[in-house]
Amino acid sequence: MRKSQLATAYCIGCGCNDHHSCDTDYGKCTWIIVDRELNVGVCSGCEAALASWQQGARTAPMMQTQASL
């Protein structure tokens, strides 16, 4: 198994991840799209973030905070 398959992926919209999903009107969120190589994606609670994803955004809020430290 490759290392990228073991790493936790984070949502670029809200920062939720594989182990801590966010709540939506339909229950817990699921991945709409996820890049396991970069460990980021867009969850079903953040459909509005799909436009950013399509424009190349590949950094989750949690990752942005760590990069600024």
Protein backbone atom coordinates (compact mmCIF):
# COMPACT_ATOMS: atom_id res chain seq x y z
CA MET A 1 0.00 0.00 0.00
CA ARG A 2 1.34 3.43 -0.90
CA LYS A 3 1.83 6.15 1.71
CA SER A 4 -0.76 8.43 -0.01
CA GLN A 5 -3.42 5.75 0.53
CA LEU A 6 -2.83 5.89 4.28
CA ALA A 7 -2.76 9.68 4.71
CA THR A 8 -5.88 11.55 5.78
CA ALA A 9 -7.55 13.72 3.13
CA TYR A 10 -8.98 17.15 4.03
CA CYS A 11 -11.80 19.17 2.43
CA ILE A 12 -10.67 22.41 0.75
CA GLY A 13 -13.95 24.04 1.79
CA CYS A 14 -14.44 23.32 5.48
CA GLY A 15 -11.39 21.31 6.51
CA CYS A 16 -13.26 18.16 7.54
CA ASN A 17 -11.39 14.92 6.87
CA ASP A 18 -11.66 11.16 6.46
CA HIS A 19 -12.04 10.71 10.23
CA HIS A 20 -14.10 13.79 11.17
CA SER A 21 -16.89 14.40 8.69
CA CYS A 22 -19.14 17.45 8.86
CA ASP A 23 -22.92 17.41 9.24
CA THR A 24 -25.15 18.19 6.28
CA ASP A 25 -28.93 18.30 5.85
CA TYR A 26 -28.67 14.66 4.72
CA GLY A 27 -26.40 13.31 7.45
CA LYS A 28 -22.61 13.05 7.51
CA CYS A 29 -20.75 14.35 4.47
CA THR A 30 -19.07 12.20 1.84
CA TRP A 31 -16.42 13.00 -0.76
CA ILE A 32 -17.66 14.52 -4.01
CA ILE A 33 -14.11 14.48 -5.34
CA VAL A 34 -10.85 13.58 -3.63
CA ASP A 35 -7.21 13.54 -4.72
CA ARG A 36 -5.45 10.85 -2.68
CA GLU A 37 -2.05 11.92 -4.00
CA LEU A 38 -2.45 15.44 -2.53
CA ASN A 39 -4.77 14.34 0.32
CA VAL A 40 -7.41 16.99 -0.39
CA GLY A 41 -10.92 16.99 -1.79
CA VAL A 42 -14.37 18.55 -1.69
CA CYS A 43 -17.02 17.10 0.62
CA SER A 44 -20.76 17.00 0.00
CA GLY A 45 -21.24 19.80 2.54
CA CYS A 46 -19.08 22.15 0.46
CA GLU A 47 -20.48 21.89 -3.07
CA ALA A 48 -19.72 25.59 -3.57
CA ALA A 49 -16.00 24.74 -3.26
CA LEU A 50 -16.19 22.68 -6.48
CA ALA A 51 -15.69 25.89 -8.49
CA SER A 52 -12.44 26.55 -6.60
CA TRP A 53 -11.38 22.93 -7.13
CA GLN A 54 -11.99 23.25 -10.87
CA GLN A 55 -9.82 26.39 -10.86
CA GLY A 56 -6.96 24.46 -9.26
CA ALA A 57 -7.41 24.98 -5.50
CA ARG A 58 -5.79 22.07 -3.70
CA THR A 59 -5.20 23.36 -0.16
CA ALA A 60 -7.50 22.73 2.79
CA PRO A 61 -8.04 25.47 5.42
CA MET A 62 -6.18 23.36 7.99
CA MET A 63 -3.20 23.10 5.63
CA GLN A 64 -3.20 26.87 5.00
CA THR A 65 -3.01 27.53 8.74
CA GLN A 66 -0.06 25.19 9.21
CA ALA A 67 1.79 26.73 6.23
CA SER A 68 1.56 30.20 7.80
CA LEU A 69 3.13 29.10 11.11
